[in-house]
């Protein structure tokens, strides 16, 4: 999965010329958080009550990566 995220990031930065990519993950989803960290994403904070899931507002960990060429 980490390799897939790295390929997506590379495509987004080289082909689409994006400046920044943001990912939001439920804090208890440690596997997804680790994949993003290994792909170079950094933690930016917690978005409180960010998404309504199954009738409950859930917090999300916000991670981002910035194009090193910008």
Foldseek 3Di string as FASTA:
>chain_A
DLVVVLVVVCCCCPVVVDFKDKDWAQPVPVVVVVSCVVSPWDWDAKDFQPDQDPNGRGIITMTMDGRPVD
